[in-house]
Protein backbone atom coordinates (compact mmCIF):
# COMPACT_ATOMS: atom_id res chain seq x y z
CA MET A 1 74.68 86.43 -76.22
CA GLU A 2 72.89 85.17 -79.53
CA GLY A 3 70.40 87.69 -80.64
CA ILE A 4 70.74 90.19 -78.31
CA GLU A 5 71.84 93.81 -80.02
CA HIS A 6 73.77 96.47 -78.48
CA ARG A 7 73.85 100.07 -79.02
CA MET A 8 74.54 103.66 -77.65
CA VAL A 9 72.31 106.09 -77.03
CA SER A 10 72.66 109.91 -76.13
CA VAL A 11 70.37 110.66 -72.76
CA ASN A 12 70.69 113.49 -70.48
CA GLY A 13 74.32 114.34 -71.47
CA ILE A 14 75.76 110.66 -71.60
CA GLN A 15 76.35 108.06 -73.64
CA MET A 16 74.65 105.04 -72.47
CA HIS A 17 74.83 101.44 -73.40
CA ILE A 18 71.84 99.44 -73.82
CA ALA A 19 71.10 95.80 -74.88
CA GLU A 20 68.13 94.94 -76.44
CA LYS A 21 66.75 91.67 -77.89
CA GLY A 22 62.81 90.68 -79.27
CA GLN A 23 60.01 93.02 -80.77
CA GLY A 24 56.79 94.25 -78.95
CA PRO A 25 56.13 95.97 -75.97
CA VAL A 26 58.97 97.01 -74.26
CA VAL A 27 60.34 96.03 -70.63
CA LEU A 28 62.61 98.03 -69.17
CA LEU A 29 65.14 95.98 -66.83
CA LEU A 30 67.60 97.81 -64.62
CA HIS A 31 70.56 96.27 -62.46
CA GLY A 32 72.35 97.07 -59.04
CA PHE A 33 75.72 97.09 -57.40
CA PRO A 34 77.68 95.44 -58.73
CA GLN A 35 76.04 94.25 -62.02
CA LEU A 36 75.57 95.21 -65.62
CA TRP A 37 72.80 94.93 -68.08
CA TYR A 38 74.43 91.40 -68.32
CA SER A 39 72.55 90.20 -64.78
CA TRP A 40 69.03 90.22 -66.67
CA ARG A 41 70.51 87.85 -69.62
CA HIS A 42 68.22 85.11 -68.61
CA GLN A 43 65.03 87.47 -68.48
CA MET A 44 66.04 89.01 -71.74
CA THR A 45 65.60 85.60 -73.67
CA ALA A 46 62.46 84.79 -71.85
CA LEU A 47 60.88 87.83 -72.48
CA ALA A 48 61.78 88.17 -76.10
CA SER A 49 60.52 84.73 -76.51
CA HIS A 50 56.91 85.81 -75.25
CA GLY A 51 56.56 88.66 -77.72
CA TYR A 52 58.44 91.48 -75.57
CA ARG A 53 61.20 93.49 -76.18
CA ALA A 54 63.63 93.55 -73.14
CA VAL A 55 65.73 96.28 -73.18
CA THR A 56 68.50 96.68 -70.09
CA PRO A 57 70.92 99.06 -69.96
CA ASP A 58 74.42 99.91 -68.29
CA LEU A 59 73.39 101.97 -65.82
CA ARG A 60 75.31 105.79 -65.62
CA GLY A 61 78.71 104.79 -64.03
CA TYR A 62 78.73 101.04 -65.17
CA GLY A 63 80.10 98.88 -67.98
CA ASP A 64 80.10 100.97 -71.42
CA THR A 65 78.03 103.79 -70.43
CA ASP A 66 79.49 107.19 -69.48
CA ALA A 67 81.06 107.40 -65.72
CA PRO A 68 81.17 110.81 -64.36
CA PRO A 69 83.82 110.84 -61.56
CA SER A 70 82.19 112.95 -59.20
CA SER A 71 79.47 111.38 -56.52
CA THR A 72 77.45 114.42 -57.15
CA SER A 73 76.61 112.92 -60.52
CA TYR A 74 74.72 110.25 -59.53
CA THR A 75 71.95 111.53 -57.46
CA ALA A 76 68.40 110.85 -58.03
CA PHE A 77 68.14 113.63 -60.56
CA HIS A 78 70.64 112.50 -63.00
CA ILE A 79 69.32 108.30 -62.68
CA VAL A 80 65.65 109.19 -62.99
CA GLY A 81 66.77 111.90 -65.80
CA ASP A 82 68.89 109.06 -67.26
CA LEU A 83 65.85 106.66 -67.52
CA ILE A 84 63.21 109.08 -68.43
CA ALA A 85 65.16 110.13 -71.36
CA LEU A 86 65.45 106.35 -72.45
CA ILE A 87 62.09 105.55 -71.49
CA ASP A 88 60.83 108.43 -73.80
CA LEU A 89 62.80 106.95 -76.73
CA LEU A 90 61.33 103.46 -75.77
CA ALA A 91 57.57 103.26 -74.31
CA GLN A 92 55.65 104.51 -71.34
CA GLU A 93 55.96 103.22 -67.73
CA LYS A 94 52.46 100.94 -66.74
CA ALA A 95 53.53 98.81 -63.68
CA PHE A 96 56.60 97.88 -61.91
CA VAL A 97 58.76 94.65 -60.77
CA SER A 98 60.79 95.60 -57.93
CA LEU A 99 63.57 92.78 -56.91
CA SER A 100 64.89 92.45 -53.52
CA VAL A 101 64.99 96.07 -52.37
CA ALA A 102 61.56 97.36 -51.14
CA PHE A 103 60.67 101.27 -51.68
CA ILE A 104 61.41 103.27 -48.57
CA PRO A 105 60.25 106.82 -48.39
CA ARG A 106 62.16 109.56 -47.44
CA ASN A 107 62.85 109.85 -43.76
CA PRO A 108 62.58 113.80 -42.47
CA SER A 109 63.95 112.90 -39.00
CA GLY A 110 67.83 112.71 -40.49
CA LYS A 111 69.92 111.64 -43.38
CA PRO A 112 70.23 108.15 -44.31
CA ILE A 113 74.04 107.46 -43.82
CA ASP A 114 74.05 109.25 -40.61
CA ARG A 115 71.18 107.04 -39.41
CA MET A 116 72.87 104.01 -40.43
CA ARG A 117 75.89 104.82 -39.14
CA ALA A 118 74.00 105.35 -35.66
CA ALA A 119 72.19 102.74 -35.96
CA LEU A 120 74.85 99.83 -37.54
CA GLY A 121 78.08 101.34 -37.03
CA ASP A 122 80.62 102.69 -39.40
CA ASP A 123 81.59 99.03 -40.34
CA TYR A 124 77.94 98.54 -42.29
CA TYR A 125 78.95 98.29 -45.70
CA MET A 126 76.98 101.56 -46.98
CA CYS A 127 78.90 103.43 -44.02
CA ARG A 128 82.59 101.94 -45.39
CA PHE A 129 81.69 102.82 -49.01
CA GLN A 130 81.34 107.05 -48.28
CA GLU A 131 85.15 107.93 -48.35
CA PRO A 132 86.30 108.22 -52.26
CA GLY A 133 88.93 106.04 -52.87
CA GLU A 134 89.05 104.01 -49.76
CA ILE A 135 86.93 100.95 -50.61
CA GLU A 136 88.38 100.96 -53.68
CA GLU A 137 92.00 100.33 -52.59
CA VAL A 138 90.53 97.42 -50.44
CA LEU A 139 88.83 95.52 -53.63
CA ALA A 140 91.67 96.20 -55.80
CA ARG A 141 93.62 94.58 -52.95
CA PHE A 142 91.29 91.61 -53.52
CA GLY A 143 91.01 91.67 -57.05
CA THR A 144 88.45 92.17 -59.50
CA LYS A 145 87.14 88.79 -59.88
CA ASN A 146 87.64 87.68 -56.56
CA ILE A 147 85.30 90.58 -55.27
CA LEU A 148 82.56 89.72 -57.62
CA LYS A 149 82.58 86.40 -56.79
CA ARG A 150 82.09 87.43 -52.85
CA PHE A 151 79.37 89.91 -53.33
CA LEU A 152 77.42 88.14 -56.18
CA THR A 153 77.35 84.97 -54.30
CA THR A 154 77.15 85.94 -50.78
CA LEU A 155 73.69 84.18 -48.77
CA LYS A 156 74.60 85.47 -45.28
CA PRO A 157 70.77 86.60 -44.14
CA ALA A 158 72.30 89.33 -42.11
CA PRO A 159 73.30 92.89 -42.37
CA LEU A 160 76.77 93.17 -44.62
CA TYR A 161 79.78 94.46 -42.40
CA LEU A 162 83.07 95.55 -43.66
CA PRO A 163 85.51 95.92 -41.09
CA LYS A 164 88.24 97.61 -41.23
CA GLY A 165 91.55 95.43 -41.94
CA ASN A 166 89.44 92.29 -42.40
CA GLU A 167 86.87 93.46 -44.65
CA PHE A 168 85.80 89.68 -45.58
CA GLY A 169 87.06 87.75 -42.79
CA ASP A 170 89.85 86.11 -45.04
CA LEU A 171 93.28 86.41 -47.08
CA PRO A 172 92.35 87.89 -50.82
CA ASP A 173 94.05 84.51 -51.86
CA HIS A 174 91.00 82.44 -50.61
CA GLN A 175 89.16 80.63 -53.62
CA ILE A 176 85.23 81.21 -53.89
CA SER A 177 83.52 78.61 -54.71
CA LEU A 178 81.08 79.45 -57.39
CA PRO A 179 77.32 77.88 -57.54
CA SER A 180 75.39 76.26 -60.63
CA TRP A 181 74.10 79.47 -61.65
CA LEU A 182 76.88 81.53 -61.77
CA SER A 183 80.10 80.42 -64.13
CA GLU A 184 83.72 81.38 -64.45
CA GLU A 185 82.56 82.68 -67.98
CA ASP A 186 80.05 84.90 -66.26
CA VAL A 187 82.69 86.22 -64.10
CA ASN A 188 84.88 86.96 -66.42
CA TYR A 189 82.52 89.16 -68.38
CA TYR A 190 81.50 91.13 -65.27
CA ALA A 191 85.46 91.62 -64.72
CA SER A 192 86.26 92.70 -68.02
CA LYS A 193 84.39 95.63 -67.85
CA PHE A 194 84.51 96.55 -63.95
CA ASP A 195 88.71 96.05 -64.72
CA ILE A 196 88.05 98.73 -67.26
CA LYS A 197 85.68 101.36 -64.92
CA GLY A 198 86.76 100.17 -61.61
CA PHE A 199 84.06 100.15 -58.98
CA THR A 200 83.95 104.08 -58.22
CA GLY A 201 80.70 104.69 -60.32
CA GLY A 202 78.74 102.00 -58.56
CA LEU A 203 79.86 103.03 -55.24
CA ASN A 204 79.14 106.77 -56.34
CA TYR A 205 75.35 105.54 -55.67
CA TYR A 206 75.71 105.37 -51.71
CA ARG A 207 77.84 108.08 -51.65
CA ALA A 208 75.09 110.09 -53.09
CA LEU A 209 72.32 108.93 -50.34
CA ASN A 210 72.92 111.76 -48.02
CA LEU A 211 72.64 114.58 -51.09
CA ASN A 212 69.43 112.80 -52.22
CA TRP A 213 67.93 113.32 -49.23
CA GLU A 214 68.31 116.81 -49.28
CA LEU A 215 67.21 117.09 -52.81
CA MET A 216 64.67 115.39 -52.18
CA ALA A 217 62.94 117.06 -49.54
CA PRO A 218 59.94 118.43 -51.75
CA TRP A 219 58.90 114.75 -52.31
CA THR A 220 58.45 113.82 -48.48
CA GLY A 221 55.80 111.21 -48.35
CA VAL A 222 55.50 110.68 -52.02
CA GLN A 223 53.49 106.87 -52.77
CA VAL A 224 54.81 104.59 -55.81
CA LYS A 225 51.23 104.60 -57.80
CA VAL A 226 51.73 102.02 -60.44
CA PRO A 227 50.99 98.53 -60.16
CA VAL A 228 53.94 96.80 -58.30
CA LYS A 229 55.10 93.12 -57.82
CA TYR A 230 57.85 92.89 -55.22
CA ILE A 231 59.97 89.26 -54.62
CA VAL A 232 62.70 89.04 -52.60
CA GLY A 233 64.54 85.90 -51.31
CA ASP A 234 64.43 85.10 -47.58
CA LEU A 235 68.47 85.14 -47.01
CA ASP A 236 68.74 88.27 -48.91
CA LEU A 237 70.62 90.64 -46.96
CA THR A 238 68.38 93.63 -47.39
CA TYR A 239 65.53 91.63 -46.28
CA ASN A 240 67.23 90.66 -42.91
CA SER A 241 68.19 94.07 -42.23
CA PRO A 242 66.57 95.54 -38.50
CA GLY A 243 63.16 96.49 -39.09
CA ALA A 244 62.91 95.12 -42.85
CA LYS A 245 60.42 92.47 -42.36
CA ASN A 246 58.26 94.40 -40.30
CA TYR A 247 58.11 97.11 -42.72
CA ILE A 248 57.48 94.59 -45.35
CA HIS A 249 54.83 92.71 -43.77
CA GLY A 250 53.40 94.90 -41.20
CA GLY A 251 51.66 97.33 -43.44
CA GLY A 252 54.06 99.75 -43.84
CA PHE A 253 55.29 99.09 -47.53
CA LYS A 254 51.32 98.74 -48.65
CA ARG A 255 51.21 101.99 -47.32
CA ASN A 256 53.78 103.47 -49.32
CA VAL A 257 53.10 101.63 -52.13
CA PRO A 258 49.50 101.53 -52.46
CA PHE A 259 48.94 99.58 -55.60
CA LEU A 260 51.03 96.82 -54.52
CA GLN A 261 49.61 93.71 -55.98
CA ASP A 262 52.04 90.77 -54.90
CA LEU A 263 54.73 89.94 -52.73
CA VAL A 264 56.68 87.24 -53.10
CA VAL A 265 59.32 85.91 -50.53
CA MET A 266 61.30 82.68 -52.32
CA GLU A 267 62.78 80.67 -50.08
CA GLY A 268 66.74 79.76 -49.67
CA VAL A 269 67.58 82.45 -52.02
CA GLY A 270 69.92 85.25 -51.69
CA HIS A 271 70.35 88.91 -53.21
CA PHE A 272 70.73 88.16 -56.57
CA ILE A 273 67.70 86.37 -57.73
CA ASN A 274 67.21 87.43 -60.88
CA GLU A 275 70.31 85.08 -61.86
CA GLU A 276 70.23 82.51 -59.00
CA LYS A 277 66.67 81.83 -59.93
CA SER A 278 66.17 83.09 -63.51
CA ASP A 279 63.49 80.65 -64.47
CA GLU A 280 61.11 81.33 -61.31
CA ILE A 281 62.10 84.97 -61.70
CA ASN A 282 61.01 84.70 -65.40
CA THR A 283 57.88 83.30 -64.56
CA HIS A 284 57.06 85.82 -62.02
CA ILE A 285 57.65 88.87 -64.24
CA LEU A 286 55.84 87.19 -67.67
CA ASP A 287 52.73 86.41 -65.29
CA PHE A 288 52.79 90.11 -63.61
CA ILE A 289 53.00 91.88 -67.05
CA LYS A 290 51.29 89.85 -69.44
CA THR A 291 47.79 91.64 -67.54
CA PHE A 292 48.90 94.94 -68.63
């Protein structure tokens, strides 16, 4: 894309690819699964035009960044270590805009995957992601482009289940219609990277959740103590998970994020809101960060 520069940096023992645009205070943009730096293309342009330096990496395991094969290389220590090394190269953190996924502190009562399995069953997507190689075979059968279209365009306001043998409720050759905000060109870019790296790097984040729970014991009860703006779509699968709305609106979220300054629920929007409603998200981010 025009004006976006790319380079590799050494952080925390790996080579990380970052994309940058603009000059000024740094805004670091971090993607989730199954995305890439490219997911922030609209925000990068908007931020750069308003005097900011937008920086977005391919996180560990994604795109052109190194992808260690073992899930034990995707703990919170590894991911935070990557980001601290990157931030040290760029700037200091002042505030945080969180999209879609609310901060949930460590629950001392049990490991997260064990609790999910007990509450939601073996077919819940995070549980299905656990066995190395198993879900990769399913994704390969459907094909990279098809899978990306399914994940990126889902608007079902409910937990995601992937029952064995009928993961997506149809056949691999089922055609997925794209919404106006996602083009075939966009899907082709994503697929060009996932075809090389595969999905294992991204899946390893989920496979490290129980290990993270063990490692994070000293931080039980920790709070997020920087100014935060949280934005979620009302059709987001995470927002519609059991107990999520009560936690977000019932005071639990505010207790754990005491400097929460704004909470926005966007109507008719799914999980990947930075792409689906890029103009609105650009405005939300700019209105928030310009106060710092």
